[in-house]
Amino acid sequence: MGLLFRKMTVCLSIAALLAAPLSGCQFSNVSAIDQAVDEVVPVFFQRRAALIEKIRTVGKLANERVNALPVLEEAISDQVADAEEFVRLNQEKIETYLTSIEEPLIELRKIIWSLSKEVYESSDAERIFRDDALLFFALQYQIHAYQSVLEAATPLLFAFAHPHFDSSERIRSFRDILIRHFTACLGMTLVLSQDVDSILRQMHDLASRDVVHPAWVRSFAHAVAGIAQSSAEGREKIERVNEKIPSEKRDEFLSSVAEIYQKFNNASTLYSPYRSDSVGVNILVWFGNLTLGSFNTFVGLGVILFCMIASPFSPAIDFPTFSISQSGNQLHVAVGRWTYKYYFSLGLFEFASGSDAASDHEGGHAKQSMVLGPLYLLFILGSYAIEGLEGGLMERWAKAWAYWG
């Protein structure tokens, strides 16, 4: 991406934007995110008080470092010699500034990865909703920081993009550093936005199935409204920056941005399992649950038949709908809200009220059924009776099989 802005012809009016010292600029703070967190903490974050405080502390630290803009010496000039002097005096300050922002953001990404792993492993809908809300706010702190860095880097890139600066090795090197940071920040903004969309889809699915306390849903929706307004203001800022790009170069600029989006399109900061079953393994699991595990599959057929008969008489039971499960190990069967916030497996069937968010875990149970045969139900009910619904031997075994195959 080193050629990202080199061919852009930048008019003097854009360079003039940098005539005033950059240290006079102050970005918007994180008050919208903090206010949203304050609204939901009393409702459903009491048990996560330490974690939400850690997220807020690290998020605020990133914001403080974003706003701690270095005091730059001299003003940017369109004269090569003067621009080289500007780079000589300020490059180290700017690099230190950009690096200092990344440190708390790395810490936030570690929190996000760990928390999203807990969400992936859980089958408790209310716990998933609560922790998804935590993830949403952690992602918002990161997005705010990266967007602010983009706002800081954009005018510098514009100012040094003129082709006549290509004759200076010092300026070319400095420009490449800015481009790397700009590309990384733009890519991370895309990745984090995709992760936010993923989190919100899962929360919407849980809310639509009435498996989460309505007060939680209302509180989160009201809190997010303030962040949405703040985000709209941020988009307006970006649009105003885009308007300053010369019209003859705007298509080239947008094409370069599209390349960055393509590069980061499949990335994520959220946890995902380390393995993916092959077609052969999926066939083996299906065959195993039609042979040794057939008893469990027949019990599953009984549950399906019950739901077909009972669905007209109960609003909590839906007529079963089928799809291939996310894991590929089973048939996913949506049977309505009577399963409440839990998923369960019987042979070839993965039962839930809608989403297959815990599908890989349920695939682990399908493999247990294949191996244990008729003893599967005895083992799993005994494990639940002795150790509870979560954390018992059968649950740990299913999780291990889900992740490592």
Protein backbone atom coordinates (compact mmCIF):
# COMPACT_ATOMS: atom_id res chain seq x y z
CA MET A 1 0.00 0.00 0.00
CA GLY A 2 3.05 2.30 -0.18
CA LEU A 3 1.64 3.96 -3.33
CA LEU A 4 -1.70 4.66 -1.69
CA PHE A 5 -1.53 8.44 -1.83
CA ARG A 6 1.59 9.14 -3.90
CA LYS A 7 -0.24 9.88 -7.13
CA MET A 8 -2.74 12.22 -5.49
CA THR A 9 -2.47 15.86 -6.52
CA VAL A 10 -3.32 17.90 -3.43
CA CYS A 11 -4.39 21.49 -3.84
CA LEU A 12 -2.85 24.24 -1.70
CA SER A 13 -6.07 24.70 0.23
CA ILE A 14 -5.68 21.21 1.72
CA ALA A 15 -2.08 21.87 2.69
CA ALA A 16 -3.23 25.10 4.29
CA LEU A 17 -5.32 23.09 6.73
CA LEU A 18 -2.07 22.11 8.38
CA ALA A 19 -0.76 25.66 8.73
CA ALA A 20 -2.17 25.89 12.24
CA PRO A 21 -0.36 23.82 14.88
CA LEU A 22 -1.88 20.33 15.12
CA SER A 23 -1.60 20.47 18.90
CA GLY A 24 -4.52 22.91 18.90
CA CYS A 25 -6.89 20.22 17.67
CA GLN A 26 -8.94 18.26 20.18
CA PHE A 27 -10.97 15.21 19.24
CA SER A 28 -14.33 14.33 20.71
CA ASN A 29 -14.10 12.44 23.99
CA VAL A 30 -15.70 9.13 24.92
CA SER A 31 -18.53 10.68 26.92
CA ALA A 32 -21.19 9.07 24.69
CA ILE A 33 -19.79 5.59 25.37
CA ASP A 34 -19.31 6.28 29.09
CA GLN A 35 -22.87 7.55 29.39
CA ALA A 36 -24.20 4.44 27.68
CA VAL A 37 -22.22 2.20 30.03
CA ASP A 38 -23.52 4.15 33.04
CA GLU A 39 -27.09 3.51 31.90
CA VAL A 40 -26.76 -0.27 31.69
CA VAL A 41 -24.41 -0.99 34.61
CA PRO A 42 -27.17 -0.86 37.28
CA VAL A 43 -29.44 -3.05 35.13
CA PHE A 44 -27.34 -6.09 34.30
CA PHE A 45 -23.61 -5.56 34.82
CA GLN A 46 -23.44 -5.96 38.59
CA ARG A 47 -21.73 -9.34 38.31
CA ARG A 48 -19.23 -7.96 35.82
CA ALA A 49 -18.34 -4.79 37.74
CA ALA A 50 -14.58 -5.48 37.76
CA LEU A 51 -14.45 -6.29 34.06
CA ILE A 52 -16.53 -3.31 32.93
CA GLU A 53 -14.34 -1.03 35.04
CA LYS A 54 -11.22 -2.49 33.42
CA ILE A 55 -12.71 -1.95 29.95
CA ARG A 56 -13.58 1.65 30.81
CA THR A 57 -10.15 2.33 32.30
CA VAL A 58 -8.28 0.99 29.27
CA GLY A 59 -10.71 2.69 26.87
CA LYS A 60 -10.24 6.04 28.60
CA LEU A 61 -6.46 5.60 28.58
CA ALA A 62 -6.56 5.11 24.81
CA ASN A 63 -8.73 8.23 24.49
CA GLU A 64 -6.33 10.27 26.66
CA ARG A 65 -3.42 9.24 24.47
CA VAL A 66 -5.37 10.09 21.33
CA ASN A 67 -5.99 13.57 22.69
CA ALA A 68 -2.38 14.02 23.86
CA LEU A 69 -1.34 15.38 20.47
CA PRO A 70 2.34 16.28 20.22
CA VAL A 71 3.30 19.95 20.00
CA LEU A 72 4.78 20.14 16.52
CA GLU A 73 7.52 22.53 15.52
CA GLU A 74 7.18 24.66 12.41
CA ALA A 75 4.31 24.48 9.92
CA ILE A 76 4.05 22.20 6.93
CA SER A 77 5.22 23.83 3.73
CA ASP A 78 4.83 22.85 0.10
CA GLN A 79 8.55 23.57 -0.35
CA VAL A 80 10.62 20.39 -0.26
CA ALA A 81 13.43 21.80 1.88
CA ASP A 82 11.04 23.25 4.46
CA ALA A 83 8.97 20.05 4.50
CA GLU A 84 12.12 17.98 5.12
CA GLU A 85 12.92 20.23 8.09
CA PHE A 86 9.39 19.69 9.42
CA VAL A 87 9.85 15.92 9.16
CA ARG A 88 13.29 16.08 10.81
CA LEU A 89 11.90 18.01 13.77
CA ASN A 90 8.63 16.10 14.23
CA GLN A 91 8.87 12.54 12.91
CA GLU A 92 9.97 11.00 16.21
CA LYS A 93 7.20 12.82 18.11
CA ILE A 94 4.54 11.65 15.66
CA GLU A 95 5.77 8.04 15.66
CA THR A 96 5.87 8.00 19.47
CA TYR A 97 2.34 9.40 19.57
CA LEU A 98 0.98 6.75 17.19
CA THR A 99 2.76 3.92 19.02
CA SER A 100 1.55 5.05 22.45
CA ILE A 101 -2.08 4.82 21.32
CA GLU A 102 -1.69 1.22 20.17
CA GLU A 103 -0.56 -0.09 23.59
CA PRO A 104 -3.95 0.24 25.40
CA LEU A 105 -5.77 -0.88 22.25
CA ILE A 106 -3.79 -4.15 22.29
CA GLU A 107 -4.89 -4.63 25.90
CA LEU A 108 -8.51 -4.03 24.88
CA ARG A 109 -8.23 -6.60 22.09
CA LYS A 110 -6.98 -9.18 24.60
CA ILE A 111 -10.05 -8.50 26.77
CA ILE A 112 -12.34 -8.76 23.73
CA TRP A 113 -10.82 -12.06 22.62
CA SER A 114 -11.05 -13.59 26.10
CA LEU A 115 -14.61 -12.40 26.72
CA SER A 116 -15.83 -13.51 23.29
CA LYS A 117 -14.36 -16.95 24.03
CA GLU A 118 -16.52 -17.11 27.17
CA VAL A 119 -19.54 -16.10 25.09
CA TYR A 120 -18.77 -18.83 22.56
CA GLU A 121 -18.51 -21.46 25.28
CA SER A 122 -21.72 -20.46 27.07
CA SER A 123 -25.20 -21.80 26.36
CA ASP A 124 -26.92 -19.42 28.82
CA ALA A 125 -28.81 -16.81 26.75
CA GLU A 126 -28.87 -14.12 29.44
CA ARG A 127 -25.17 -14.50 30.11
CA ILE A 128 -24.48 -14.32 26.36
CA PHE A 129 -26.59 -11.15 26.05
CA ARG A 130 -24.86 -9.50 29.02
CA ASP A 131 -21.36 -10.33 27.81
CA ASP A 132 -22.24 -9.33 24.23
CA ALA A 133 -23.18 -5.92 25.64
CA LEU A 134 -19.76 -5.74 27.31
CA LEU A 135 -18.12 -6.66 24.02
CA PHE A 136 -20.14 -3.98 22.24
CA PHE A 137 -18.83 -1.26 24.55
CA ALA A 138 -15.24 -2.53 24.40
CA LEU A 139 -15.43 -2.48 20.60
CA GLN A 140 -16.84 1.05 20.68
CA TYR A 141 -13.87 2.33 22.70
CA GLN A 142 -11.54 0.85 20.08
CA ILE A 143 -13.48 2.24 17.12
CA HIS A 144 -13.46 5.71 18.66
CA ALA A 145 -9.68 5.60 19.12
CA TYR A 146 -8.93 4.37 15.59
CA GLN A 147 -11.27 6.89 14.00
CA SER A 148 -9.55 9.66 15.94
CA VAL A 149 -6.14 8.51 14.73
CA LEU A 150 -7.48 8.51 11.16
CA GLU A 151 -8.63 12.07 11.69
CA ALA A 152 -5.15 13.02 12.86
CA ALA A 153 -3.28 11.20 10.08
CA THR A 154 -5.45 12.22 7.13
CA PRO A 155 -4.37 15.88 6.83
CA LEU A 156 -0.71 14.89 7.21
CA LEU A 157 -1.09 12.40 4.37
CA PHE A 158 -2.78 14.97 2.20
CA ALA A 159 -0.06 17.51 2.88
CA PHE A 160 2.78 15.14 1.90
CA ALA A 161 1.01 13.45 -1.02
CA HIS A 162 2.11 15.88 -3.73
CA PRO A 163 4.36 14.17 -6.33
CA HIS A 164 7.07 16.83 -6.02
CA PHE A 165 7.85 15.41 -2.53
CA ASP A 166 8.91 12.10 -4.17
CA SER A 167 12.36 13.57 -4.73
CA SER A 168 13.04 13.51 -0.97
CA GLU A 169 13.95 10.18 0.59
CA ARG A 170 13.26 11.53 4.10
CA ILE A 171 9.74 12.61 3.16
CA ARG A 172 9.03 9.36 1.27
CA SER A 173 10.08 7.33 4.31
CA PHE A 174 7.94 9.46 6.65
CA ARG A 175 4.98 9.23 4.28
CA ASP A 176 5.26 5.44 4.13
CA ILE A 177 5.14 5.32 7.94
CA LEU A 178 1.99 7.45 7.93
CA ILE A 179 0.43 5.28 5.24
CA ARG A 180 1.12 2.09 7.22
CA HIS A 181 -0.57 3.56 10.28
CA PHE A 182 -3.43 4.94 8.23
CA THR A 183 -3.99 1.60 6.48
CA ALA A 184 -3.87 -0.32 9.76
CA CYS A 185 -6.30 2.07 11.47
CA LEU A 186 -8.72 2.07 8.55
CA GLY A 187 -8.56 -1.74 8.38
CA MET A 188 -9.08 -2.09 12.14
CA THR A 189 -12.05 0.28 11.98
CA LEU A 190 -13.59 -2.00 9.36
CA VAL A 191 -12.83 -5.17 11.35
CA LEU A 192 -14.24 -3.72 14.57
CA SER A 193 -17.37 -2.48 12.79
CA GLN A 194 -17.93 -5.98 11.40
CA ASP A 195 -17.51 -7.40 14.90
CA VAL A 196 -20.07 -4.91 16.24
CA ASP A 197 -22.52 -6.03 13.55
CA SER A 198 -21.93 -9.66 14.51
CA ILE A 199 -22.51 -8.94 18.20
CA LEU A 200 -25.67 -6.93 17.54
CA ARG A 201 -27.11 -9.67 15.30
CA GLN A 202 -26.66 -12.21 18.08
CA MET A 203 -28.20 -9.87 20.67
CA HIS A 204 -31.14 -9.14 18.37
CA ASP A 205 -31.68 -12.86 17.86
CA LEU A 206 -31.73 -13.48 21.62
CA ALA A 207 -34.06 -10.53 22.24
CA SER A 208 -36.47 -11.62 19.49
CA ARG A 209 -36.79 -15.05 21.09
CA ASP A 210 -37.80 -13.58 24.48
CA VAL A 211 -35.05 -15.48 26.30
CA VAL A 212 -33.59 -12.31 27.85
CA HIS A 213 -35.17 -10.14 30.52
CA PRO A 214 -37.10 -7.33 28.71
CA ALA A 215 -35.61 -4.68 31.02
CA TRP A 216 -32.13 -5.63 29.79
CA VAL A 217 -33.17 -5.24 26.17
CA ARG A 218 -34.82 -1.86 26.78
CA SER A 219 -31.85 -0.56 28.77
CA PHE A 220 -29.31 -1.61 26.13
CA ALA A 221 -31.39 -0.24 23.23
CA HIS A 222 -31.77 3.14 24.95
CA ALA A 223 -28.05 3.29 25.77
CA VAL A 224 -27.00 2.45 22.22
CA ALA A 225 -29.17 5.25 20.80
CA GLY A 226 -26.75 7.85 22.20
CA ILE A 227 -23.76 6.11 20.65
CA ALA A 228 -25.57 5.91 17.30
CA GLN A 229 -26.03 9.68 17.33
CA SER A 230 -22.34 10.18 18.15
CA SER A 231 -21.37 7.79 15.33
CA ALA A 232 -23.51 9.75 12.87
CA GLU A 233 -21.58 12.90 13.79
CA GLY A 234 -18.34 11.00 13.20
CA ARG A 235 -19.50 9.92 9.74
CA GLU A 236 -20.26 13.55 8.90
CA LYS A 237 -16.66 14.44 9.81
CA ILE A 238 -15.34 11.77 7.46
CA GLU A 239 -17.62 12.97 4.68
CA ARG A 240 -16.32 16.53 5.12
CA VAL A 241 -12.74 15.22 4.83
CA ASN A 242 -13.66 13.32 1.65
CA GLU A 243 -15.12 16.49 0.17
CA LYS A 244 -11.68 18.11 0.42
CA ILE A 245 -10.16 15.50 -1.91
CA PRO A 246 -9.81 16.97 -5.41
CA SER A 247 -12.67 15.65 -7.55
CA GLU A 248 -10.30 14.29 -10.21
CA LYS A 249 -8.59 12.14 -7.56
CA ARG A 250 -11.59 11.08 -5.50
CA ASP A 251 -12.25 7.87 -7.47
CA GLU A 252 -8.59 6.86 -7.09
CA PHE A 253 -8.73 7.54 -3.37
CA LEU A 254 -11.95 5.58 -2.90
CA SER A 255 -10.51 2.71 -4.96
CA SER A 256 -7.50 2.58 -2.63
CA VAL A 257 -9.80 2.57 0.39
CA ALA A 258 -11.81 -0.28 -1.20
CA GLU A 259 -8.57 -2.29 -1.51
CA ILE A 260 -7.97 -1.84 2.21
CA TYR A 261 -11.52 -2.97 2.98
CA GLN A 262 -11.00 -6.07 0.85
CA LYS A 263 -7.77 -6.88 2.67
CA PHE A 264 -9.39 -6.77 6.11
CA ASN A 265 -12.83 -8.05 5.11
CA ASN A 266 -12.58 -11.51 6.71
CA ALA A 267 -10.64 -10.52 9.83
CA SER A 268 -12.10 -10.36 13.34
CA THR A 269 -11.02 -9.55 16.89
CA LEU A 270 -13.56 -12.03 18.28
CA TYR A 271 -12.73 -15.56 19.35
CA SER A 272 -13.36 -18.41 16.96
CA PRO A 273 -12.58 -22.14 17.32
CA TYR A 274 -9.15 -23.30 16.22
CA ARG A 275 -10.36 -26.13 14.02
CA SER A 276 -12.90 -26.96 11.36
CA ASP A 277 -14.18 -30.48 10.83
CA SER A 278 -13.58 -32.03 7.43
CA VAL A 279 -16.37 -33.48 5.33
CA GLY A 280 -15.10 -36.95 6.27
CA VAL A 281 -15.48 -36.23 10.00
CA ASN A 282 -19.00 -34.86 9.48
CA ILE A 283 -19.97 -38.01 7.54
CA LEU A 284 -18.51 -40.18 10.33
CA VAL A 285 -20.55 -38.33 12.99
CA TRP A 286 -23.75 -38.64 10.99
CA PHE A 287 -23.12 -42.37 10.33
CA GLY A 288 -22.26 -42.96 14.00
CA ASN A 289 -25.53 -41.39 15.15
CA LEU A 290 -27.49 -43.56 12.72
CA THR A 291 -25.82 -46.71 14.08
CA LEU A 292 -24.38 -46.89 17.61
CA GLY A 293 -25.94 -43.55 18.54
CA SER A 294 -29.28 -44.31 16.86
CA PHE A 295 -31.10 -44.59 20.21
CA ASN A 296 -30.32 -40.92 20.95
CA THR A 297 -31.38 -39.94 17.43
CA PHE A 298 -34.71 -41.76 17.88
CA VAL A 299 -35.28 -39.90 21.17
CA GLY A 300 -34.60 -36.71 19.20
CA LEU A 301 -37.22 -37.75 16.64
CA GLY A 302 -39.65 -38.15 19.54
CA VAL A 303 -38.96 -34.57 20.64
CA ILE A 304 -39.55 -33.35 17.08
CA LEU A 305 -42.84 -35.26 16.87
CA PHE A 306 -43.94 -33.83 20.22
CA CYS A 307 -43.23 -30.26 19.01
CA MET A 308 -45.17 -30.89 15.79
CA ILE A 309 -48.22 -32.02 17.76
CA ALA A 310 -47.98 -29.43 20.55
CA SER A 311 -47.06 -26.33 18.52
CA PRO A 312 -50.69 -25.34 17.67
CA PHE A 313 -51.59 -25.40 21.36
CA SER A 314 -48.65 -23.54 22.92
CA PRO A 315 -47.16 -20.14 21.98
CA ALA A 316 -43.84 -21.26 23.44
CA ILE A 317 -43.49 -24.22 21.05
CA ASP A 318 -42.85 -23.67 17.35
CA PHE A 319 -43.42 -26.15 14.56
CA PRO A 320 -39.89 -27.53 14.00
CA THR A 321 -37.80 -26.01 11.22
CA PHE A 322 -34.63 -27.69 10.01
CA SER A 323 -31.25 -26.63 8.65
CA ILE A 324 -27.73 -28.03 8.57
CA SER A 325 -26.04 -26.99 11.80
CA GLN A 326 -23.18 -24.52 11.77
CA SER A 327 -20.80 -27.29 12.85
CA GLY A 328 -21.95 -29.60 10.04
CA ASN A 329 -22.19 -32.44 12.57
CA GLN A 330 -25.99 -32.35 13.00
CA LEU A 331 -29.35 -31.04 11.86
CA HIS A 332 -30.23 -27.79 13.60
CA VAL A 333 -33.85 -27.88 14.79
CA ALA A 334 -35.54 -24.64 15.87
CA VAL A 335 -38.41 -25.57 18.18
CA GLY A 336 -39.38 -22.34 19.94
CA ARG A 337 -38.94 -20.63 23.29
CA TRP A 338 -39.65 -23.68 25.45
CA THR A 339 -35.95 -24.52 25.33
CA TYR A 340 -35.54 -21.07 26.94
CA LYS A 341 -31.86 -20.15 27.02
CA TYR A 342 -30.31 -23.58 26.58
CA TYR A 343 -29.30 -25.70 23.61
CA PHE A 344 -29.29 -29.49 23.75
CA SER A 345 -28.39 -32.38 21.49
CA LEU A 346 -29.96 -35.75 20.85
CA GLY A 347 -28.02 -37.82 18.35
CA LEU A 348 -28.23 -36.19 14.93
CA PHE A 349 -30.34 -33.28 16.22
CA GLU A 350 -29.28 -29.98 17.74
CA PHE A 351 -32.27 -28.32 19.44
CA ALA A 352 -32.57 -24.59 20.15
CA SER A 353 -35.05 -21.78 20.08
CA GLY A 354 -33.53 -20.30 16.93
CA SER A 355 -29.85 -19.39 16.59
CA ASP A 356 -27.12 -22.01 16.21
CA ALA A 357 -24.56 -19.85 18.05
CA ALA A 358 -23.44 -22.81 20.19
CA SER A 359 -23.34 -25.21 17.26
CA ASP A 360 -19.71 -26.37 17.53
CA HIS A 361 -20.25 -27.18 21.21
CA GLU A 362 -23.36 -29.19 20.37
CA GLY A 363 -21.32 -30.93 17.68
CA GLY A 364 -19.08 -32.11 20.52
CA HIS A 365 -22.13 -33.72 22.12
CA ALA A 366 -22.96 -35.38 18.79
CA LYS A 367 -19.53 -37.03 18.85
CA GLN A 368 -20.13 -38.16 22.43
CA SER A 369 -23.41 -39.72 21.27
CA MET A 370 -21.59 -41.48 18.44
CA VAL A 371 -19.02 -42.96 20.85
CA LEU A 372 -21.20 -43.73 23.90
CA GLY A 373 -24.28 -44.90 22.02
CA PRO A 374 -27.24 -45.66 24.32
CA LEU A 375 -25.13 -44.74 27.37
CA TYR A 376 -24.92 -41.09 26.23
CA LEU A 377 -28.12 -39.99 27.94
CA LEU A 378 -27.19 -41.84 31.13
CA PHE A 379 -23.77 -40.18 31.23
CA ILE A 380 -24.98 -36.67 30.46
CA LEU A 381 -27.96 -36.72 32.83
CA GLY A 382 -25.72 -38.13 35.56
CA SER A 383 -23.16 -35.39 34.93
CA TYR A 384 -25.83 -32.69 35.15
CA ALA A 385 -27.28 -34.20 38.32
CA ILE A 386 -23.89 -34.34 40.05
CA GLU A 387 -22.08 -31.27 38.68
CA GLY A 388 -24.79 -28.97 37.33
CA LEU A 389 -25.73 -27.85 33.83
CA GLU A 390 -22.45 -26.03 33.16
CA GLY A 391 -18.88 -27.01 33.85
CA GLY A 392 -19.41 -30.75 34.33
CA LEU A 393 -17.36 -33.56 32.78
CA MET A 394 -19.62 -33.98 29.73
CA GLU A 395 -19.67 -30.23 29.07
CA ARG A 396 -15.88 -29.94 29.34
CA TRP A 397 -15.47 -32.93 27.05
CA ALA A 398 -17.86 -31.44 24.47
CA LYS A 399 -16.00 -28.10 24.56
CA ALA A 400 -12.65 -29.83 24.09
CA TRP A 401 -13.98 -31.82 21.16
CA ALA A 402 -15.56 -28.71 19.65
CA TYR A 403 -12.28 -26.80 19.66
CA TRP A 404 -9.71 -29.44 18.88
CA GLY A 405 -11.68 -31.92 16.79
